[in-house]
Amino acid sequence: MRVALAVFGAALVLGCKGRTRAADPAPPGGAPAEASGALAGSGGGAGSAGAPTQNVLDLPRSSRSAPLRTTRPLDRARYEKLAGLEYPGWEKDVRYLDDRALEVRYRTKARPILGVTISASPCFDCIPPELPRWKAKEDALKNLLLPELRERKDTLFEIGEVKLAGAPLIYTYQLAHAWGPGEDGSQQGPYSNAYTAYHNDGINQIRVTAQYADDAVATRAELVSLAPREDLAQIALAFLDAYTHAW
């Protein structure tokens, strides 16, 4: 599947819980292990009595241009610069930083909690954004889903092409929901609702995952309502845009 997203502006009007989406699209800015979640509960988190408090989400301002090409492998000094990026409304956690790689995670301060994880490093076996070549990696990419979600017949996992200011990128989208009684009788189960954008320029690579990261909810429809796919796509592209203009 090929998708073209126009991403401009600096705020995303969230489409969750039946709210009206903005008429104009919002700006832009591999999937981490946290692209799958497993939380126990009764479905009473962000999706029910504790209603979401987040209507508009600030995103990194769009550069309105394609990702910048790098000329040499990223190093610790560059990772430290990237790790310093801060955005209003987001809490930052630098998960990993050394001479070889960087992983930074952002979480929204308001609910529903959405997460963004950015992983950057020099290329290793980087593949150009050619869809047939990435589809050949589908099994490896799906391994980032929990086994109990990966094997479900109703799990959605899609690989496609998307453009950011004309530059081709690869994305994956995964949606999976397992809910039922646990051993203690409470309702619980793993879930995943995540959009990942991949980019490399042959020298360095970056992977940005945007995902629902709040309490488990009782239905798949509620999971989608709290974090619509199009919102996750815009968030992931916004952060990828910001990071590839700072690296």
C-alpha atoms as a PDB file:
ATOM      1  CA  MET A   1       0.000   0.000   0.000  1.00  0.00           C
ATOM      2  CA  ARG A   2       1.220   3.494  -0.860  1.00  0.00           C
ATOM      3  CA  VAL A   3       0.079   6.519   1.109  1.00  0.00           C
ATOM      4  CA  ALA A   4       0.919  10.187   0.705  1.00  0.00           C
ATOM      5  CA  LEU A   5       0.554  12.265   3.859  1.00  0.00           C
ATOM      6  CA  ALA A   6       0.761  16.019   3.742  1.00  0.00           C
ATOM      7  CA  VAL A   7       2.055  17.079   7.118  1.00  0.00           C
ATOM      8  CA  PHE A   8       2.088  20.743   8.028  1.00  0.00           C
ATOM      9  CA  GLY A   9       1.333  22.963  11.004  1.00  0.00           C
ATOM     10  CA  ALA A  10       2.310  22.374  14.616  1.00  0.00           C
ATOM     11  CA  ALA A  11      -0.661  20.873  16.422  1.00  0.00           C
ATOM     12  CA  LEU A  12      -2.738  17.748  16.016  1.00  0.00           C
ATOM     13  CA  VAL A  13      -6.438  17.820  16.848  1.00  0.00           C
ATOM     14  CA  LEU A  14      -6.936  14.342  18.231  1.00  0.00           C
ATOM     15  CA  GLY A  15      -9.601  12.220  16.645  1.00  0.00           C
ATOM     16  CA  CYS A  16     -10.372  10.044  19.664  1.00  0.00           C
ATOM     17  CA  LYS A  17     -13.752   9.439  21.296  1.00  0.00           C
ATOM     18  CA  GLY A  18     -15.746  10.883  18.414  1.00  0.00           C
ATOM     19  CA  ARG A  19     -14.138  14.307  18.445  1.00  0.00           C
ATOM     20  CA  THR A  20     -14.059  16.217  15.174  1.00  0.00           C
ATOM     21  CA  ARG A  21     -10.726  16.059  13.397  1.00  0.00           C
ATOM     22  CA  ALA A  22      -9.013  19.144  12.037  1.00  0.00           C
ATOM     23  CA  ALA A  23      -9.828  19.907   8.418  1.00  0.00           C
ATOM     24  CA  ASP A  24      -6.158  20.393   7.590  1.00  0.00           C
ATOM     25  CA  PRO A  25      -3.652  17.620   8.301  1.00  0.00           C
ATOM     26  CA  ALA A  26      -1.164  18.135  11.105  1.00  0.00           C
ATOM     27  CA  PRO A  27       2.619  18.185  10.765  1.00  0.00           C
ATOM     28  CA  PRO A  28       5.167  15.509  10.794  1.00  0.00           C
ATOM     29  CA  GLY A  29       7.725  16.003  13.190  1.00  0.00           C
ATOM     30  CA  GLY A  30      12.226  -0.013  14.266  1.00  0.00           C
ATOM     31  CA  ALA A  31       9.135  -0.508  16.197  1.00  0.00           C
ATOM     32  CA  PRO A  32      10.418  -0.853  19.720  1.00  0.00           C
ATOM     33  CA  ALA A  33       9.583  -3.744  21.963  1.00  0.00           C
ATOM     34  CA  GLU A  34       7.040  -1.462  23.643  1.00  0.00           C
ATOM     35  CA  ALA A  35       5.018  -1.424  20.429  1.00  0.00           C
ATOM     36  CA  SER A  36       3.150  -4.221  22.178  1.00  0.00           C
ATOM     37  CA  GLY A  37       1.691  -3.714  25.620  1.00  0.00           C
ATOM     38  CA  ALA A  38       0.240  -5.944  28.273  1.00  0.00           C
ATOM     39  CA  LEU A  39      -1.642  -4.260  31.091  1.00  0.00           C
ATOM     40  CA  ALA A  40      -4.097  -5.815  33.481  1.00  0.00           C
ATOM     41  CA  GLY A  41      -7.231  -3.949  34.388  1.00  0.00           C
ATOM     42  CA  SER A  42     -10.961  -3.651  33.949  1.00  0.00           C
ATOM     43  CA  GLY A  43     -11.000  -1.364  30.955  1.00  0.00           C
ATOM     44  CA  GLY A  44     -11.578   1.629  33.169  1.00  0.00           C
ATOM     45  CA  GLY A  45      -8.515   3.630  32.187  1.00  0.00           C
ATOM     46  CA  ALA A  46      -8.339   6.298  29.515  1.00  0.00           C
ATOM     47  CA  GLY A  47     -11.239   4.775  27.682  1.00  0.00           C
ATOM     48  CA  SER A  48     -14.093   4.874  30.185  1.00  0.00           C
ATOM     49  CA  ALA A  49     -14.877   6.805  33.375  1.00  0.00           C
ATOM     50  CA  GLY A  50     -11.468   8.454  33.349  1.00  0.00           C
ATOM     51  CA  ALA A  51     -12.195  10.275  30.122  1.00  0.00           C
ATOM     52  CA  PRO A  52      -9.299  11.562  28.004  1.00  0.00           C
ATOM     53  CA  THR A  53      -8.238  15.091  28.862  1.00  0.00           C
ATOM     54  CA  GLN A  54      -6.248  15.670  25.682  1.00  0.00           C
ATOM     55  CA  ASN A  55      -7.906  17.345  22.701  1.00  0.00           C
ATOM     56  CA  VAL A  56      -4.963  19.048  20.997  1.00  0.00           C
ATOM     57  CA  LEU A  57      -1.436  17.709  20.986  1.00  0.00           C
ATOM     58  CA  ASP A  58       1.627  19.831  20.231  1.00  0.00           C
ATOM     59  CA  LEU A  59       3.978  18.282  17.673  1.00  0.00           C
ATOM     60  CA  PRO A  60       7.424  19.305  16.441  1.00  0.00           C
ATOM     61  CA  ARG A  61       7.033  22.000  13.814  1.00  0.00           C
ATOM     62  CA  SER A  62       7.305  20.778  10.254  1.00  0.00           C
ATOM     63  CA  SER A  63      10.427  21.582   8.257  1.00  0.00           C
ATOM     64  CA  ARG A  64       8.339  21.203   5.081  1.00  0.00           C
ATOM     65  CA  SER A  65      11.311  19.471   3.473  1.00  0.00           C
ATOM     66  CA  ALA A  66      12.676  15.983   3.007  1.00  0.00           C
ATOM     67  CA  PRO A  67      14.941  14.441   5.664  1.00  0.00           C
ATOM     68  CA  LEU A  68      18.461  15.841   5.541  1.00  0.00           C
ATOM     69  CA  ARG A  69      21.117  13.528   4.139  1.00  0.00           C
ATOM     70  CA  THR A  70      23.978  12.743   6.477  1.00  0.00           C
ATOM     71  CA  THR A  71      27.600  12.581   5.341  1.00  0.00           C
ATOM     72  CA  ARG A  72      29.121  10.390   8.046  1.00  0.00           C
ATOM     73  CA  PRO A  73      27.961   7.899  10.685  1.00  0.00           C
ATOM     74  CA  LEU A  74      26.313   9.363  13.744  1.00  0.00           C
ATOM     75  CA  ASP A  75      28.540   9.612  16.809  1.00  0.00           C
ATOM     76  CA  ARG A  76      28.093  10.257  20.515  1.00  0.00           C
ATOM     77  CA  ALA A  77      28.249  14.029  20.163  1.00  0.00           C
ATOM     78  CA  ARG A  78      25.437  13.952  17.628  1.00  0.00           C
ATOM     79  CA  TYR A  79      23.382  11.580  19.783  1.00  0.00           C
ATOM     80  CA  GLU A  80      23.776  13.922  22.741  1.00  0.00           C
ATOM     81  CA  LYS A  81      22.473  16.789  20.622  1.00  0.00           C
ATOM     82  CA  LEU A  82      19.453  14.758  19.532  1.00  0.00           C
ATOM     83  CA  ALA A  83      18.819  13.581  23.087  1.00  0.00           C
ATOM     84  CA  GLY A  84      18.452  17.223  24.130  1.00  0.00           C
ATOM     85  CA  LEU A  85      15.360  17.819  21.984  1.00  0.00           C
ATOM     86  CA  GLU A  86      12.369  18.790  24.127  1.00  0.00           C
ATOM     87  CA  TYR A  87       8.753  19.336  23.122  1.00  0.00           C
ATOM     88  CA  PRO A  88       5.909  20.937  25.128  1.00  0.00           C
ATOM     89  CA  GLY A  89       3.375  18.450  26.413  1.00  0.00           C
ATOM     90  CA  TRP A  90       5.787  15.508  26.189  1.00  0.00           C
ATOM     91  CA  GLU A  91       7.904  13.870  28.882  1.00  0.00           C
ATOM     92  CA  LYS A  92      11.255  12.617  27.607  1.00  0.00           C
ATOM     93  CA  ASP A  93      13.231   9.570  28.688  1.00  0.00           C
ATOM     94  CA  VAL A  94      16.649   8.889  27.148  1.00  0.00           C
ATOM     95  CA  ARG A  95      16.594   5.109  27.201  1.00  0.00           C
ATOM     96  CA  TYR A  96      19.971   4.436  25.615  1.00  0.00           C
ATOM     97  CA  LEU A  97      22.894   6.539  24.461  1.00  0.00           C
ATOM     98  CA  ASP A  98      26.442   5.466  23.695  1.00  0.00           C
ATOM     99  CA  ASP A  99      28.934   5.725  20.848  1.00  0.00           C
ATOM    100  CA  ARG A 100      26.880   3.464  18.598  1.00  0.00           C
ATOM    101  CA  ALA A 101      23.183   4.182  19.039  1.00  0.00           C
ATOM    102  CA  LEU A 102      20.470   6.319  20.599  1.00  0.00           C
ATOM    103  CA  GLU A 103      16.978   5.521  21.828  1.00  0.00           C
ATOM    104  CA  VAL A 104      14.711   8.249  23.185  1.00  0.00           C
ATOM    105  CA  ARG A 105      11.137   7.835  24.359  1.00  0.00           C
ATOM    106  CA  TYR A 106       8.504  10.563  24.710  1.00  0.00           C
ATOM    107  CA  ARG A 107       5.148  10.203  26.464  1.00  0.00           C
ATOM    108  CA  THR A 108       2.300  12.665  26.521  1.00  0.00           C
ATOM    109  CA  LYS A 109       1.674  14.367  29.849  1.00  0.00           C
ATOM    110  CA  ALA A 110      -2.098  14.334  29.300  1.00  0.00           C
ATOM    111  CA  ARG A 111      -4.330  11.350  28.664  1.00  0.00           C
ATOM    112  CA  PRO A 112      -4.846   9.285  26.673  1.00  0.00           C
ATOM    113  CA  ILE A 113      -1.142   8.596  26.994  1.00  0.00           C
ATOM    114  CA  LEU A 114       0.568   8.270  23.624  1.00  0.00           C
ATOM    115  CA  GLY A 115       4.191   7.254  23.269  1.00  0.00           C
ATOM    116  CA  VAL A 116       6.880   7.912  20.687  1.00  0.00           C
ATOM    117  CA  THR A 117      10.131   5.971  20.574  1.00  0.00           C
ATOM    118  CA  ILE A 118      13.001   7.118  18.343  1.00  0.00           C
ATOM    119  CA  SER A 119      15.928   4.815  17.582  1.00  0.00           C
ATOM    120  CA  ALA A 120      18.882   6.079  15.550  1.00  0.00           C
ATOM    121  CA  SER A 121      22.193   4.510  14.582  1.00  0.00           C
ATOM    122  CA  PRO A 122      24.614   4.105  11.688  1.00  0.00           C
ATOM    123  CA  CYS A 123      23.376   1.816   8.942  1.00  0.00           C
ATOM    124  CA  PHE A 124      23.689  -1.926   9.231  1.00  0.00           C
ATOM    125  CA  ASP A 125      22.235  -3.794   6.278  1.00  0.00           C
ATOM    126  CA  CYS A 126      20.126  -0.745   5.389  1.00  0.00           C
ATOM    127  CA  ILE A 127      17.565  -1.398   2.669  1.00  0.00           C
ATOM    128  CA  PRO A 128      16.349   1.391   0.363  1.00  0.00           C
ATOM    129  CA  PRO A 129      12.648   2.312   0.726  1.00  0.00           C
ATOM    130  CA  GLU A 130      11.550  -0.183  -1.916  1.00  0.00           C
ATOM    131  CA  LEU A 131       8.379  -1.920  -0.808  1.00  0.00           C
ATOM    132  CA  PRO A 132       9.022  -5.413  -2.255  1.00  0.00           C
ATOM    133  CA  ARG A 133      12.372  -5.600  -0.443  1.00  0.00           C
ATOM    134  CA  TRP A 134      10.787  -4.568   2.849  1.00  0.00           C
ATOM    135  CA  LYS A 135       7.901  -6.980   2.442  1.00  0.00           C
ATOM    136  CA  ALA A 136      10.500  -9.735   2.283  1.00  0.00           C
ATOM    137  CA  LYS A 137      11.367  -8.750   5.898  1.00  0.00           C
ATOM    138  CA  GLU A 138       7.783  -8.990   7.125  1.00  0.00           C
ATOM    139  CA  ASP A 139       8.309 -11.989   9.388  1.00  0.00           C
ATOM    140  CA  ALA A 140      11.244 -10.284  11.120  1.00  0.00           C
ATOM    141  CA  LEU A 141       9.291  -7.052  11.549  1.00  0.00           C
ATOM    142  CA  LYS A 142       6.295  -8.907  12.986  1.00  0.00           C
ATOM    143  CA  ASN A 143       8.533 -10.449  15.627  1.00  0.00           C
ATOM    144  CA  LEU A 144       8.205  -7.171  17.486  1.00  0.00           C
ATOM    145  CA  LEU A 145       4.650  -8.189  18.327  1.00  0.00           C
ATOM    146  CA  LEU A 146       4.074 -10.345  21.372  1.00  0.00           C
ATOM    147  CA  PRO A 147       3.643 -14.009  20.314  1.00  0.00           C
ATOM    148  CA  GLU A 148       0.071 -14.175  21.640  1.00  0.00           C
ATOM    149  CA  LEU A 149      -0.803 -11.195  19.424  1.00  0.00           C
ATOM    150  CA  ARG A 150       1.287 -12.216  16.429  1.00  0.00           C
ATOM    151  CA  GLU A 151      -0.590 -15.500  16.061  1.00  0.00           C
ATOM    152  CA  ARG A 152      -4.109 -14.111  16.313  1.00  0.00           C
ATOM    153  CA  LYS A 153      -6.145 -14.295  13.126  1.00  0.00           C
ATOM    154  CA  ASP A 154      -7.618 -10.825  13.670  1.00  0.00           C
ATOM    155  CA  THR A 155      -4.242  -9.109  14.134  1.00  0.00           C
ATOM    156  CA  LEU A 156      -3.596  -6.456  11.513  1.00  0.00           C
ATOM    157  CA  PHE A 157      -0.015  -5.949  10.344  1.00  0.00           C
ATOM    158  CA  GLU A 158       0.658  -3.820   7.296  1.00  0.00           C
ATOM    159  CA  ILE A 159       3.806  -2.695   5.503  1.00  0.00           C
ATOM    160  CA  GLY A 160       3.592   0.188   3.061  1.00  0.00           C
ATOM    161  CA  GLU A 161       5.178   3.273   1.567  1.00  0.00           C
ATOM    162  CA  VAL A 162       4.569   6.818   2.738  1.00  0.00           C
ATOM    163  CA  LYS A 163       6.095  10.117   1.608  1.00  0.00           C
ATOM    164  CA  LEU A 164       7.384  12.881   3.823  1.00  0.00           C
ATOM    165  CA  ALA A 165       7.778  16.119   1.845  1.00  0.00           C
ATOM    166  CA  GLY A 166       8.275  13.977  -1.260  1.00  0.00           C
ATOM    167  CA  ALA A 167      10.828  11.626   0.305  1.00  0.00           C
ATOM    168  CA  PRO A 168       9.818   7.934   0.281  1.00  0.00           C
ATOM    169  CA  LEU A 169       9.686   6.150   3.635  1.00  0.00           C
ATOM    170  CA  ILE A 170       8.541   2.727   4.755  1.00  0.00           C
ATOM    171  CA  TYR A 171       5.919   2.318   7.448  1.00  0.00           C
ATOM    172  CA  THR A 172       4.355  -0.516   9.373  1.00  0.00           C
ATOM    173  CA  TYR A 173       1.058  -0.412  11.189  1.00  0.00           C
ATOM    174  CA  GLN A 174      -0.037  -3.001  13.709  1.00  0.00           C
ATOM    175  CA  LEU A 175      -3.310  -3.380  15.526  1.00  0.00           C
ATOM    176  CA  ALA A 176      -3.982  -6.291  17.845  1.00  0.00           C
ATOM    177  CA  HIS A 177      -6.176  -6.785  20.879  1.00  0.00           C
ATOM    178  CA  ALA A 178      -6.610  -9.770  23.166  1.00  0.00           C
ATOM    179  CA  TRP A 179      -8.949  -9.391  26.116  1.00  0.00           C
ATOM    180  CA  GLY A 180     -10.318 -11.974  28.462  1.00  0.00           C
ATOM    181  CA  PRO A 181     -10.330 -13.335  32.000  1.00  0.00           C
ATOM    182  CA  GLY A 182      -6.919 -13.891  33.562  1.00  0.00           C
ATOM    183  CA  GLU A 183      -5.968 -16.566  36.049  1.00  0.00           C
ATOM    184  CA  ASP A 184      -7.191 -14.394  38.894  1.00  0.00           C
ATOM    185  CA  GLY A 185     -10.530 -13.813  37.188  1.00  0.00           C
ATOM    186  CA  SER A 186      -9.866 -10.180  36.252  1.00  0.00           C
ATOM    187  CA  GLN A 187     -10.207  -8.982  32.696  1.00  0.00           C
ATOM    188  CA  GLN A 188      -6.810  -8.430  31.106  1.00  0.00           C
ATOM    189  CA  GLY A 189      -4.828  -9.002  27.962  1.00  0.00           C
ATOM    190  CA  PRO A 190      -2.083  -7.724  25.662  1.00  0.00           C
ATOM    191  CA  TYR A 191      -2.685  -5.150  22.951  1.00  0.00           C
ATOM    192  CA  SER A 192      -0.847  -3.143  20.320  1.00  0.00           C
ATOM    193  CA  ASN A 193      -1.825  -0.074  18.332  1.00  0.00           C
ATOM    194  CA  ALA A 194       1.328   1.349  16.755  1.00  0.00           C
ATOM    195  CA  TYR A 195       2.590   3.064  13.616  1.00  0.00           C
ATOM    196  CA  THR A 196       6.305   2.942  12.784  1.00  0.00           C
ATOM    197  CA  ALA A 197       8.141   5.000  10.166  1.00  0.00           C
ATOM    198  CA  TYR A 198      11.537   3.856   8.849  1.00  0.00           C
ATOM    199  CA  HIS A 199      14.113   5.983   7.057  1.00  0.00           C
ATOM    200  CA  ASN A 200      17.753   5.620   6.086  1.00  0.00           C
ATOM    201  CA  ASP A 201      20.059   7.484   3.739  1.00  0.00           C
ATOM    202  CA  GLY A 202      22.563   4.666   3.302  1.00  0.00           C
ATOM    203  CA  ILE A 203      24.767   6.080   6.062  1.00  0.00           C
ATOM    204  CA  ASN A 204      22.451   6.397   9.057  1.00  0.00           C
ATOM    205  CA  GLN A 205      19.051   4.993   9.921  1.00  0.00           C
ATOM    206  CA  ILE A 206      16.149   6.046  12.102  1.00  0.00           C
ATOM    207  CA  ARG A 207      12.999   4.314  13.283  1.00  0.00           C
ATOM    208  CA  VAL A 208      10.115   6.179  14.921  1.00  0.00           C
ATOM    209  CA  THR A 209       7.164   4.420  16.540  1.00  0.00           C
ATOM    210  CA  ALA A 210       4.033   6.208  17.726  1.00  0.00           C
ATOM    211  CA  GLN A 211       1.668   4.122  19.833  1.00  0.00           C
ATOM    212  CA  TYR A 212      -1.163   4.028  22.312  1.00  0.00           C
ATOM    213  CA  ALA A 213       0.528   3.671  25.704  1.00  0.00           C
ATOM    214  CA  ASP A 214      -2.260   4.067  28.223  1.00  0.00           C
ATOM    215  CA  ASP A 215      -4.340   1.537  30.172  1.00  0.00           C
ATOM    216  CA  ALA A 216      -5.703  -1.545  28.473  1.00  0.00           C
ATOM    217  CA  VAL A 217      -9.261  -1.188  27.192  1.00  0.00           C
ATOM    218  CA  ALA A 218     -11.960  -3.794  26.809  1.00  0.00           C
ATOM    219  CA  THR A 219     -12.548  -3.616  23.056  1.00  0.00           C
ATOM    220  CA  ARG A 220     -10.527  -3.260  19.877  1.00  0.00           C
ATOM    221  CA  ALA A 221     -12.837  -0.468  18.729  1.00  0.00           C
ATOM    222  CA  GLU A 222     -12.083   1.539  21.859  1.00  0.00           C
ATOM    223  CA  LEU A 223      -8.350   1.067  21.310  1.00  0.00           C
ATOM    224  CA  VAL A 224      -8.705   2.516  17.822  1.00  0.00           C
ATOM    225  CA  SER A 225     -10.955   5.332  19.027  1.00  0.00           C
ATOM    226  CA  LEU A 226      -8.416   6.466  21.620  1.00  0.00           C
ATOM    227  CA  ALA A 227      -5.521   6.435  19.148  1.00  0.00           C
ATOM    228  CA  PRO A 228      -6.680   6.524  15.518  1.00  0.00           C
ATOM    229  CA  ARG A 229      -4.201   5.267  12.980  1.00  0.00           C
ATOM    230  CA  GLU A 230      -4.031   8.593  11.156  1.00  0.00           C
ATOM    231  CA  ASP A 231      -3.111  10.376  14.395  1.00  0.00           C
ATOM    232  CA  LEU A 232      -0.319   7.900  15.108  1.00  0.00           C
ATOM    233  CA  ALA A 233       1.003   8.302  11.559  1.00  0.00           C
ATOM    234  CA  GLN A 234       1.141  12.078  11.854  1.00  0.00           C
ATOM    235  CA  ILE A 235       2.879  11.883  15.226  1.00  0.00           C
ATOM    236  CA  ALA A 236       5.513   9.430  13.969  1.00  0.00           C
ATOM    237  CA  LEU A 237       6.239  11.518  10.884  1.00  0.00           C
ATOM    238  CA  ALA A 238       6.419  14.716  12.928  1.00  0.00           C
ATOM    239  CA  PHE A 239       9.152  13.315  15.160  1.00  0.00           C
ATOM    240  CA  LEU A 240      11.011  11.700  12.268  1.00  0.00           C
ATOM    241  CA  ASP A 241      11.008  15.033  10.472  1.00  0.00           C
ATOM    242  CA  ALA A 242      12.347  16.836  13.544  1.00  0.00           C
ATOM    243  CA  TYR A 243      15.089  14.309  14.241  1.00  0.00           C
ATOM    244  CA  THR A 244      16.286  14.049  10.647  1.00  0.00           C
ATOM    245  CA  HIS A 245      16.661  17.828  10.507  1.00  0.00           C
ATOM    246  CA  ALA A 246      18.704  17.802  13.698  1.00  0.00           C
ATOM    247  CA  TRP A 247      20.991  14.834  13.069  1.00  0.00           C
END
